[in-house]
Amino acid sequence: MWVVLGSAVAGYLMRKTGFPPGPLVLAFILGPIMERSFRQSLIMSDGSVAIFATRPVAAGLLLVAVVVLGWSMLRGPVNGCRTRESPARTGGRG
């Protein structure tokens, strides 16, 4: 019962602060699965993390993750540097 109450309070606070609850649910479901798979990969490679860069599929996925993370980090400062147009140029609406 305490878990249900805690989940309800967390969901209410997330909704009030504008955080979507979907990613949190996905993290709770997929987190243990990903952790187990990561552990199995390390066991297969005798503890070497090079297995994630030497396999073509794993290296491709790692590259995509790095590009997406880099793009999201650079997009914020780039968008912040743009100047806003004056209301006179946008027809009085800003």
PDB file of N, CA and C in Angstrom:
ATOM      1  N   MET A   1       0.814  -1.183   0.000  1.00  0.00           N
ATOM      2  CA  MET A   1       0.000   0.000   0.000  1.00  0.00           C
ATOM      3  C   MET A   1       0.866   1.259   0.000  1.00  0.00           C
ATOM      4  N   TRP A   2       2.008   1.197   0.703  1.00  0.00           N
ATOM      5  CA  TRP A   2       2.897   2.366   0.745  1.00  0.00           C
ATOM      6  C   TRP A   2       3.512   2.656  -0.621  1.00  0.00           C
ATOM      7  N   VAL A   3       3.763   1.593  -1.383  1.00  0.00           N
ATOM      8  CA  VAL A   3       4.313   1.782  -2.723  1.00  0.00           C
ATOM      9  C   VAL A   3       3.300   2.500  -3.616  1.00  0.00           C
ATOM     10  N   VAL A   4       2.041   2.105  -3.513  1.00  0.00           N
ATOM     11  CA  VAL A   4       0.989   2.747  -4.296  1.00  0.00           C
ATOM     12  C   VAL A   4       0.851   4.214  -3.896  1.00  0.00           C
ATOM     13  N   LEU A   5       0.868   4.481  -2.610  1.00  0.00           N
ATOM     14  CA  LEU A   5       0.756   5.855  -2.119  1.00  0.00           C
ATOM     15  C   LEU A   5       1.950   6.693  -2.568  1.00  0.00           C
ATOM     16  N   GLY A   6       3.139   6.129  -2.465  1.00  0.00           N
ATOM     17  CA  GLY A   6       4.338   6.838  -2.912  1.00  0.00           C
ATOM     18  C   GLY A   6       4.323   7.110  -4.404  1.00  0.00           C
ATOM     19  N   SER A   7       3.857   6.142  -5.186  1.00  0.00           N
ATOM     20  CA  SER A   7       3.764   6.324  -6.636  1.00  0.00           C
ATOM     21  C   SER A   7       2.739   7.399  -6.985  1.00  0.00           C
ATOM     22  N   ALA A   8       1.641   7.432  -6.255  1.00  0.00           N
ATOM     23  CA  ALA A   8       0.623   8.446  -6.505  1.00  0.00           C
ATOM     24  C   ALA A   8       1.148   9.839  -6.192  1.00  0.00           C
ATOM     25  N   VAL A   9       1.860   9.986  -5.092  1.00  0.00           N
ATOM     26  CA  VAL A   9       2.434  11.283  -4.738  1.00  0.00           C
ATOM     27  C   VAL A   9       3.473  11.707  -5.775  1.00  0.00           C
ATOM     28  N   ALA A  10       4.324  10.768  -6.194  1.00  0.00           N
ATOM     29  CA  ALA A  10       5.336  11.086  -7.205  1.00  0.00           C
ATOM     30  C   ALA A  10       4.675  11.482  -8.523  1.00  0.00           C
ATOM     31  N   GLY A  11       3.630  10.772  -8.929  1.00  0.00           N
ATOM     32  CA  GLY A  11       2.914  11.107 -10.159  1.00  0.00           C
ATOM     33  C   GLY A  11       2.253  12.466 -10.079  1.00  0.00           C
ATOM     34  N   TYR A  12       1.673  12.784  -8.936  1.00  0.00           N
ATOM     35  CA  TYR A  12       1.041  14.088  -8.750  1.00  0.00           C
ATOM     36  C   TYR A  12       2.077  15.206  -8.829  1.00  0.00           C
ATOM     37  N   LEU A  13       3.205  15.019  -8.162  1.00  0.00           N
ATOM     38  CA  LEU A  13       4.251  16.044  -8.196  1.00  0.00           C
ATOM     39  C   LEU A  13       4.841  16.200  -9.596  1.00  0.00           C
ATOM     40  N   MET A  14       4.987  15.097 -10.295  1.00  0.00           N
ATOM     41  CA  MET A  14       5.511  15.177 -11.663  1.00  0.00           C
ATOM     42  C   MET A  14       4.542  15.925 -12.571  1.00  0.00           C
ATOM     43  N   ARG A  15       3.264  15.687 -12.411  1.00  0.00           N
ATOM     44  CA  ARG A  15       2.270  16.374 -13.235  1.00  0.00           C
ATOM     45  C   ARG A  15       2.242  17.869 -12.907  1.00  0.00           C
ATOM     46  N   LYS A  16       2.352  18.218 -11.631  1.00  0.00           N
ATOM     47  CA  LYS A  16       2.334  19.626 -11.237  1.00  0.00           C
ATOM     48  C   LYS A  16       3.574  20.375 -11.706  1.00  0.00           C
ATOM     49  N   THR A  17       4.720  19.693 -11.764  1.00  0.00           N
ATOM     50  CA  THR A  17       5.956  20.356 -12.186  1.00  0.00           C
ATOM     51  C   THR A  17       6.188  20.255 -13.687  1.00  0.00           C
ATOM     52  N   GLY A  18       5.353  19.531 -14.408  1.00  0.00           N
ATOM     53  CA  GLY A  18       5.458  19.461 -15.862  1.00  0.00           C
ATOM     54  C   GLY A  18       6.351  18.353 -16.395  1.00  0.00           C
ATOM     55  N   PHE A  19       6.778  17.430 -15.554  1.00  0.00           N
ATOM     56  CA  PHE A  19       7.590  16.310 -16.017  1.00  0.00           C
ATOM     57  C   PHE A  19       6.686  15.201 -16.537  1.00  0.00           C
ATOM     58  N   PRO A  20       6.974  14.668 -17.720  1.00  0.00           N
ATOM     59  CA  PRO A  20       6.156  13.563 -18.224  1.00  0.00           C
ATOM     60  C   PRO A  20       6.481  12.274 -17.462  1.00  0.00           C
ATOM     61  N   PRO A  21       5.479  11.519 -17.052  1.00  0.00           N
ATOM     62  CA  PRO A  21       5.742  10.289 -16.292  1.00  0.00           C
ATOM     63  C   PRO A  21       6.176   9.114 -17.156  1.00  0.00           C
ATOM     64  N   GLY A  22       5.980   9.192 -18.465  1.00  0.00           N
ATOM     65  CA  GLY A  22       6.319   8.083 -19.358  1.00  0.00           C
ATOM     66  C   GLY A  22       7.770   7.640 -19.281  1.00  0.00           C
ATOM     67  N   PRO A  23       8.745   8.562 -19.386  1.00  0.00           N
ATOM     68  CA  PRO A  23      10.144   8.141 -19.301  1.00  0.00           C
ATOM     69  C   PRO A  23      10.502   7.467 -17.974  1.00  0.00           C
ATOM     70  N   LEU A  24       9.875   7.902 -16.894  1.00  0.00           N
ATOM     71  CA  LEU A  24      10.152   7.271 -15.602  1.00  0.00           C
ATOM     72  C   LEU A  24       9.644   5.835 -15.579  1.00  0.00           C
ATOM     73  N   VAL A  25       8.470   5.615 -16.136  1.00  0.00           N
ATOM     74  CA  VAL A  25       7.918   4.253 -16.203  1.00  0.00           C
ATOM     75  C   VAL A  25       8.803   3.367 -17.074  1.00  0.00           C
ATOM     76  N   LEU A  26       9.237   3.907 -18.221  1.00  0.00           N
ATOM     77  CA  LEU A  26      10.139   3.139 -19.092  1.00  0.00           C
ATOM     78  C   LEU A  26      11.440   2.802 -18.377  1.00  0.00           C
ATOM     79  N   ALA A  27      11.965   3.744 -17.604  1.00  0.00           N
ATOM     80  CA  ALA A  27      13.213   3.496 -16.883  1.00  0.00           C
ATOM     81  C   ALA A  27      13.040   2.386 -15.849  1.00  0.00           C
ATOM     82  N   PHE A  28      11.909   2.379 -15.156  1.00  0.00           N
ATOM     83  CA  PHE A  28      11.678   1.322 -14.162  1.00  0.00           C
ATOM     84  C   PHE A  28      11.512  -0.044 -14.815  1.00  0.00           C
ATOM     85  N   ILE A  29      10.934  -0.077 -16.007  1.00  0.00           N
ATOM     86  CA  ILE A  29      10.720  -1.356 -16.677  1.00  0.00           C
ATOM     87  C   ILE A  29      11.984  -1.837 -17.380  1.00  0.00           C
ATOM     88  N   LEU A  30      12.638  -0.930 -18.129  1.00  0.00           N
ATOM     89  CA  LEU A  30      13.779  -1.338 -18.938  1.00  0.00           C
ATOM     90  C   LEU A  30      15.107  -1.317 -18.181  1.00  0.00           C
ATOM     91  N   GLY A  31      15.179  -0.605 -17.074  1.00  0.00           N
ATOM     92  CA  GLY A  31      16.429  -0.497 -16.314  1.00  0.00           C
ATOM     93  C   GLY A  31      17.020  -1.834 -15.902  1.00  0.00           C
ATOM     94  N   PRO A  32      16.259  -2.689 -15.220  1.00  0.00           N
ATOM     95  CA  PRO A  32      16.813  -3.991 -14.824  1.00  0.00           C
ATOM     96  C   PRO A  32      17.206  -4.869 -16.006  1.00  0.00           C
ATOM     97  N   ILE A  33      16.453  -4.789 -17.101  1.00  0.00           N
ATOM     98  CA  ILE A  33      16.777  -5.579 -18.283  1.00  0.00           C
ATOM     99  C   ILE A  33      18.104  -5.119 -18.878  1.00  0.00           C
ATOM    100  N   MET A  34      18.277  -3.796 -18.988  1.00  0.00           N
ATOM    101  CA  MET A  34      19.521  -3.259 -19.538  1.00  0.00           C
ATOM    102  C   MET A  34      20.712  -3.572 -18.627  1.00  0.00           C
ATOM    103  N   GLU A  35      20.496  -3.492 -17.329  1.00  0.00           N
ATOM    104  CA  GLU A  35      21.584  -3.789 -16.388  1.00  0.00           C
ATOM    105  C   GLU A  35      22.019  -5.246 -16.497  1.00  0.00           C
ATOM    106  N   ARG A  36      21.067  -6.149 -16.625  1.00  0.00           N
ATOM    107  CA  ARG A  36      21.379  -7.569 -16.763  1.00  0.00           C
ATOM    108  C   ARG A  36      22.150  -7.829 -18.065  1.00  0.00           C
ATOM    109  N   SER A  37      21.713  -7.206 -19.148  1.00  0.00           N
ATOM    110  CA  SER A  37      22.395  -7.383 -20.432  1.00  0.00           C
ATOM    111  C   SER A  37      23.801  -6.793 -20.410  1.00  0.00           C
ATOM    112  N   PHE A  38      23.963  -5.654 -19.754  1.00  0.00           N
ATOM    113  CA  PHE A  38      25.286  -5.043 -19.622  1.00  0.00           C
ATOM    114  C   PHE A  38      26.226  -5.967 -18.854  1.00  0.00           C
ATOM    115  N   ARG A  39      25.720  -6.557 -17.773  1.00  0.00           N
ATOM    116  CA  ARG A  39      26.525  -7.479 -16.983  1.00  0.00           C
ATOM    117  C   ARG A  39      26.916  -8.713 -17.800  1.00  0.00           C
ATOM    118  N   GLN A  40      25.980  -9.245 -18.583  1.00  0.00           N
ATOM    119  CA  GLN A  40      26.276 -10.407 -19.425  1.00  0.00           C
ATOM    120  C   GLN A  40      27.343 -10.070 -20.461  1.00  0.00           C
ATOM    121  N   SER A  41      27.270  -8.866 -21.043  1.00  0.00           N
ATOM    122  CA  SER A  41      28.274  -8.457 -22.029  1.00  0.00           C
ATOM    123  C   SER A  41      29.651  -8.359 -21.399  1.00  0.00           C
ATOM    124  N   LEU A  42      29.717  -7.816 -20.194  1.00  0.00           N
ATOM    125  CA  LEU A  42      31.011  -7.712 -19.516  1.00  0.00           C
ATOM    126  C   LEU A  42      31.562  -9.083 -19.150  1.00  0.00           C
ATOM    127  N   ILE A  43      30.693 -10.001 -18.798  1.00  0.00           N
ATOM    128  CA  ILE A  43      31.149 -11.361 -18.491  1.00  0.00           C
ATOM    129  C   ILE A  43      31.677 -12.033 -19.755  1.00  0.00           C
ATOM    130  N   MET A  44      30.980 -11.838 -20.881  1.00  0.00           N
ATOM    131  CA  MET A  44      31.429 -12.438 -22.143  1.00  0.00           C
ATOM    132  C   MET A  44      32.781 -11.895 -22.578  1.00  0.00           C
ATOM    133  N   SER A  45      33.059 -10.630 -22.271  1.00  0.00           N
ATOM    134  CA  SER A  45      34.316 -10.015 -22.720  1.00  0.00           C
ATOM    135  C   SER A  45      35.379 -10.005 -21.624  1.00  0.00           C
ATOM    136  N   ASP A  46      35.189 -10.768 -20.578  1.00  0.00           N
ATOM    137  CA  ASP A  46      36.115 -10.836 -19.443  1.00  0.00           C
ATOM    138  C   ASP A  46      36.359  -9.470 -18.819  1.00  0.00           C
ATOM    139  N   GLY A  47      35.315  -8.663 -18.721  1.00  0.00           N
ATOM    140  CA  GLY A  47      35.399  -7.375 -18.042  1.00  0.00           C
ATOM    141  C   GLY A  47      35.872  -6.221 -18.905  1.00  0.00           C
ATOM    142  N   SER A  48      36.081  -6.434 -20.182  1.00  0.00           N
ATOM    143  CA  SER A  48      36.553  -5.377 -21.065  1.00  0.00           C
ATOM    144  C   SER A  48      35.368  -4.638 -21.673  1.00  0.00           C
ATOM    145  N   VAL A  49      35.368  -3.307 -21.564  1.00  0.00           N
ATOM    146  CA  VAL A  49      34.295  -2.520 -22.158  1.00  0.00           C
ATOM    147  C   VAL A  49      34.526  -2.280 -23.652  1.00  0.00           C
ATOM    148  N   ALA A  50      35.637  -2.774 -24.173  1.00  0.00           N
ATOM    149  CA  ALA A  50      35.933  -2.618 -25.601  1.00  0.00           C
ATOM    150  C   ALA A  50      34.932  -3.374 -26.464  1.00  0.00           C
ATOM    151  N   ILE A  51      34.198  -4.302 -25.896  1.00  0.00           N
ATOM    152  CA  ILE A  51      33.211  -5.056 -26.656  1.00  0.00           C
ATOM    153  C   ILE A  51      32.137  -4.134 -27.223  1.00  0.00           C
ATOM    154  N   PHE A  52      31.899  -2.995 -26.568  1.00  0.00           N
ATOM    155  CA  PHE A  52      30.872  -2.071 -27.032  1.00  0.00           C
ATOM    156  C   PHE A  52      31.348  -1.208 -28.194  1.00  0.00           C
ATOM    157  N   ALA A  53      32.636  -1.164 -28.461  1.00  0.00           N
ATOM    158  CA  ALA A  53      33.161  -0.370 -29.569  1.00  0.00           C
ATOM    159  C   ALA A  53      33.677  -1.239 -30.712  1.00  0.00           C
ATOM    160  N   THR A  54      33.968  -2.511 -30.453  1.00  0.00           N
ATOM    161  CA  THR A  54      34.543  -3.357 -31.496  1.00  0.00           C
ATOM    162  C   THR A  54      33.491  -4.094 -32.311  1.00  0.00           C
ATOM    163  N   ARG A  55      32.336  -4.301 -31.772  1.00  0.00           N
ATOM    164  CA  ARG A  55      31.254  -4.947 -32.517  1.00  0.00           C
ATOM    165  C   ARG A  55      30.547  -3.894 -33.364  1.00  0.00           C
ATOM    166  N   PRO A  56      30.282  -4.181 -34.641  1.00  0.00           N
ATOM    167  CA  PRO A  56      29.710  -3.152 -35.534  1.00  0.00           C
ATOM    168  C   PRO A  56      28.356  -2.603 -35.086  1.00  0.00           C
ATOM    169  N   VAL A  57      27.464  -3.473 -34.663  1.00  0.00           N
ATOM    170  CA  VAL A  57      26.136  -3.004 -34.254  1.00  0.00           C
ATOM    171  C   VAL A  57      26.241  -2.168 -32.978  1.00  0.00           C
ATOM    172  N   ALA A  58      27.005  -2.644 -32.019  1.00  0.00           N
ATOM    173  CA  ALA A  58      27.166  -1.908 -30.766  1.00  0.00           C
ATOM    174  C   ALA A  58      27.860  -0.576 -31.002  1.00  0.00           C
ATOM    175  N   ALA A  59      28.873  -0.567 -31.867  1.00  0.00           N
ATOM    176  CA  ALA A  59      29.579   0.684 -32.158  1.00  0.00           C
ATOM    177  C   ALA A  59      28.649   1.670 -32.863  1.00  0.00           C
ATOM    178  N   GLY A  60      27.799   1.182 -33.757  1.00  0.00           N
ATOM    179  CA  GLY A  60      26.847   2.054 -34.439  1.00  0.00           C
ATOM    180  C   GLY A  60      25.843   2.667 -33.483  1.00  0.00           C
ATOM    181  N   LEU A  61      25.309   1.849 -32.591  1.00  0.00           N
ATOM    182  CA  LEU A  61      24.363   2.367 -31.599  1.00  0.00           C
ATOM    183  C   LEU A  61      25.030   3.350 -30.644  1.00  0.00           C
ATOM    184  N   LEU A  62      26.268   3.065 -30.262  1.00  0.00           N
ATOM    185  CA  LEU A  62      27.004   3.979 -29.388  1.00  0.00           C
ATOM    186  C   LEU A  62      27.252   5.310 -30.091  1.00  0.00           C
ATOM    187  N   LEU A  63      27.585   5.248 -31.374  1.00  0.00           N
ATOM    188  CA  LEU A  63      27.801   6.465 -32.146  1.00  0.00           C
ATOM    189  C   LEU A  63      26.516   7.290 -32.252  1.00  0.00           C
ATOM    190  N   VAL A  64      25.410   6.632 -32.509  1.00  0.00           N
ATOM    191  CA  VAL A  64      24.128   7.338 -32.587  1.00  0.00           C
ATOM    192  C   VAL A  64      23.803   7.993 -31.243  1.00  0.00           C
ATOM    193  N   ALA A  65      24.042   7.290 -30.148  1.00  0.00           N
ATOM    194  CA  ALA A  65      23.764   7.856 -28.828  1.00  0.00           C
ATOM    195  C   ALA A  65      24.633   9.077 -28.550  1.00  0.00           C
ATOM    196  N   VAL A  66      25.903   9.012 -28.934  1.00  0.00           N
ATOM    197  CA  VAL A  66      26.808  10.149 -28.720  1.00  0.00           C
ATOM    198  C   VAL A  66      26.386  11.341 -29.573  1.00  0.00           C
ATOM    199  N   VAL A  67      26.001  11.089 -30.819  1.00  0.00           N
ATOM    200  CA  VAL A  67      25.570  12.186 -31.696  1.00  0.00           C
ATOM    201  C   VAL A  67      24.298  12.836 -31.159  1.00  0.00           C
ATOM    202  N   VAL A  68      23.330  12.038 -30.746  1.00  0.00           N
ATOM    203  CA  VAL A  68      22.076  12.593 -30.217  1.00  0.00           C
ATOM    204  C   VAL A  68      22.343  13.376 -28.939  1.00  0.00           C
ATOM    205  N   LEU A  69      23.171  12.861 -28.061  1.00  0.00           N
ATOM    206  CA  LEU A  69      23.497  13.567 -26.825  1.00  0.00           C
ATOM    207  C   LEU A  69      24.234  14.865 -27.126  1.00  0.00           C
ATOM    208  N   GLY A  70      25.190  14.811 -28.043  1.00  0.00           N
ATOM    209  CA  GLY A  70      25.925  16.017 -28.412  1.00  0.00           C
ATOM    210  C   GLY A  70      25.021  17.057 -29.053  1.00  0.00           C
ATOM    211  N   TRP A  71      24.124  16.606 -29.926  1.00  0.00           N
ATOM    212  CA  TRP A  71      23.202  17.533 -30.589  1.00  0.00           C
ATOM    213  C   TRP A  71      22.294  18.208 -29.565  1.00  0.00           C
ATOM    214  N   SER A  72      21.784  17.446 -28.613  1.00  0.00           N
ATOM    215  CA  SER A  72      20.883  18.037 -27.627  1.00  0.00           C
ATOM    216  C   SER A  72      21.626  19.003 -26.704  1.00  0.00           C
ATOM    217  N   MET A  73      22.894  18.753 -26.450  1.00  0.00           N
ATOM    218  CA  MET A  73      23.670  19.665 -25.600  1.00  0.00           C
ATOM    219  C   MET A  73      24.033  20.947 -26.347  1.00  0.00           C
ATOM    220  N   LEU A  74      24.304  20.858 -27.643  1.00  0.00           N
ATOM    221  CA  LEU A  74      24.675  22.031 -28.425  1.00  0.00           C
ATOM    222  C   LEU A  74      23.467  22.837 -28.887  1.00  0.00           C
ATOM    223  N   ARG A  75      22.335  22.207 -29.002  1.00  0.00           N
ATOM    224  CA  ARG A  75      21.144  22.887 -29.492  1.00  0.00           C
ATOM    225  C   ARG A  75      20.673  23.969 -28.529  1.00  0.00           C
ATOM    226  N   GLY A  76      20.798  23.756 -27.242  1.00  0.00           N
ATOM    227  CA  GLY A  76      20.365  24.743 -26.257  1.00  0.00           C
ATOM    228  C   GLY A  76      21.126  26.051 -26.362  1.00  0.00           C
ATOM    229  N   PRO A  77      22.474  26.052 -26.308  1.00  0.00           N
ATOM    230  CA  PRO A  77      23.212  27.311 -26.434  1.00  0.00           C
ATOM    231  C   PRO A  77      23.040  27.980 -27.791  1.00  0.00           C
ATOM    232  N   VAL A  78      22.919  27.192 -28.855  1.00  0.00           N
ATOM    233  CA  VAL A  78      22.742  27.784 -30.179  1.00  0.00           C
ATOM    234  C   VAL A  78      21.401  28.498 -30.257  1.00  0.00           C
ATOM    235  N   ASN A  79      20.343  27.885 -29.742  1.00  0.00           N
ATOM    236  CA  ASN A  79      19.025  28.516 -29.763  1.00  0.00           C
ATOM    237  C   ASN A  79      18.988  29.731 -28.842  1.00  0.00           C
ATOM    238  N   GLY A  80      19.750  29.725 -27.787  1.00  0.00           N
ATOM    239  CA  GLY A  80      19.782  30.856 -26.869  1.00  0.00           C
ATOM    240  C   GLY A  80      20.494  32.057 -27.448  1.00  0.00           C
ATOM    241  N   CYS A  81      21.387  31.859 -28.426  1.00  0.00           N
ATOM    242  CA  CYS A  81      22.140  32.960 -29.025  1.00  0.00           C
ATOM    243  C   CYS A  81      21.331  33.706 -30.066  1.00  0.00           C
ATOM    244  N   ARG A  82      20.275  33.148 -30.567  1.00  0.00           N
ATOM    245  CA  ARG A  82      19.481  33.829 -31.579  1.00  0.00           C
ATOM    246  C   ARG A  82      18.760  35.009 -30.948  1.00  0.00           C
ATOM    247  N   THR A  83      18.722  36.097 -31.673  1.00  0.00           N
ATOM    248  CA  THR A  83      18.024  37.276 -31.173  1.00  0.00           C
ATOM    249  C   THR A  83      16.570  37.197 -31.580  1.00  0.00           C
ATOM    250  N   ARG A  84      15.726  37.693 -30.702  1.00  0.00           N
ATOM    251  CA  ARG A  84      14.307  37.716 -30.998  1.00  0.00           C
ATOM    252  C   ARG A  84      14.009  38.920 -31.871  1.00  0.00           C
ATOM    253  N   GLU A  85      13.105  38.734 -32.821  1.00  0.00           N
ATOM    254  CA  GLU A  85      12.737  39.839 -33.681  1.00  0.00           C
ATOM    255  C   GLU A  85      11.873  40.823 -32.901  1.00  0.00           C
ATOM    256  N   SER A  86      11.951  42.073 -33.279  1.00  0.00           N
ATOM    257  CA  SER A  86      11.159  43.090 -32.590  1.00  0.00           C
ATOM    258  C   SER A  86       9.691  42.913 -32.950  1.00  0.00           C
ATOM    259  N   PRO A  87       8.769  43.327 -32.062  1.00  0.00           N
ATOM    260  CA  PRO A  87       7.340  43.182 -32.355  1.00  0.00           C
ATOM    261  C   PRO A  87       6.919  43.947 -33.603  1.00  0.00           C
ATOM    262  N   ALA A  88       7.629  45.017 -33.956  1.00  0.00           N
ATOM    263  CA  ALA A  88       7.262  45.775 -35.157  1.00  0.00           C
ATOM    264  C   ALA A  88       7.496  44.950 -36.419  1.00  0.00           C
ATOM    265  N   ARG A  89       8.498  44.096 -36.426  1.00  0.00           N
ATOM    266  CA  ARG A  89       8.816  43.282 -37.600  1.00  0.00           C
ATOM    267  C   ARG A  89       7.900  42.065 -37.717  1.00  0.00           C
ATOM    268  N   THR A  90       7.290  41.652 -36.626  1.00  0.00           N
ATOM    269  CA  THR A  90       6.433  40.461 -36.659  1.00  0.00           C
ATOM    270  C   THR A  90       4.964  40.838 -36.718  1.00  0.00           C
ATOM    271  N   GLY A  91       4.644  42.058 -37.054  1.00  0.00           N
ATOM    272  CA  GLY A  91       3.261  42.453 -37.172  1.00  0.00           C
ATOM    273  C   GLY A  91       2.621  42.821 -35.844  1.00  0.00           C
ATOM    274  N   GLY A  92       3.427  43.171 -34.851  1.00  0.00           N
ATOM    275  CA  GLY A  92       2.882  43.593 -33.565  1.00  0.00           C
ATOM    276  C   GLY A  92       2.651  42.458 -32.594  1.00  0.00           C
ATOM    277  N   ARG A  93       2.872  41.237 -33.021  1.00  0.00           N
ATOM    278  CA  ARG A  93       2.709  40.090 -32.107  1.00  0.00           C
ATOM    279  C   ARG A  93       4.078  39.550 -31.769  1.00  0.00           C
ATOM    280  N   GLY A  94       4.303  39.230 -30.550  1.00  0.00           N
ATOM    281  CA  GLY A  94       5.622  38.771 -30.181  1.00  0.00           C
ATOM    282  C   GLY A  94       5.532  37.570 -29.400  1.00  0.00           C
TER     283      GLY A  94
END
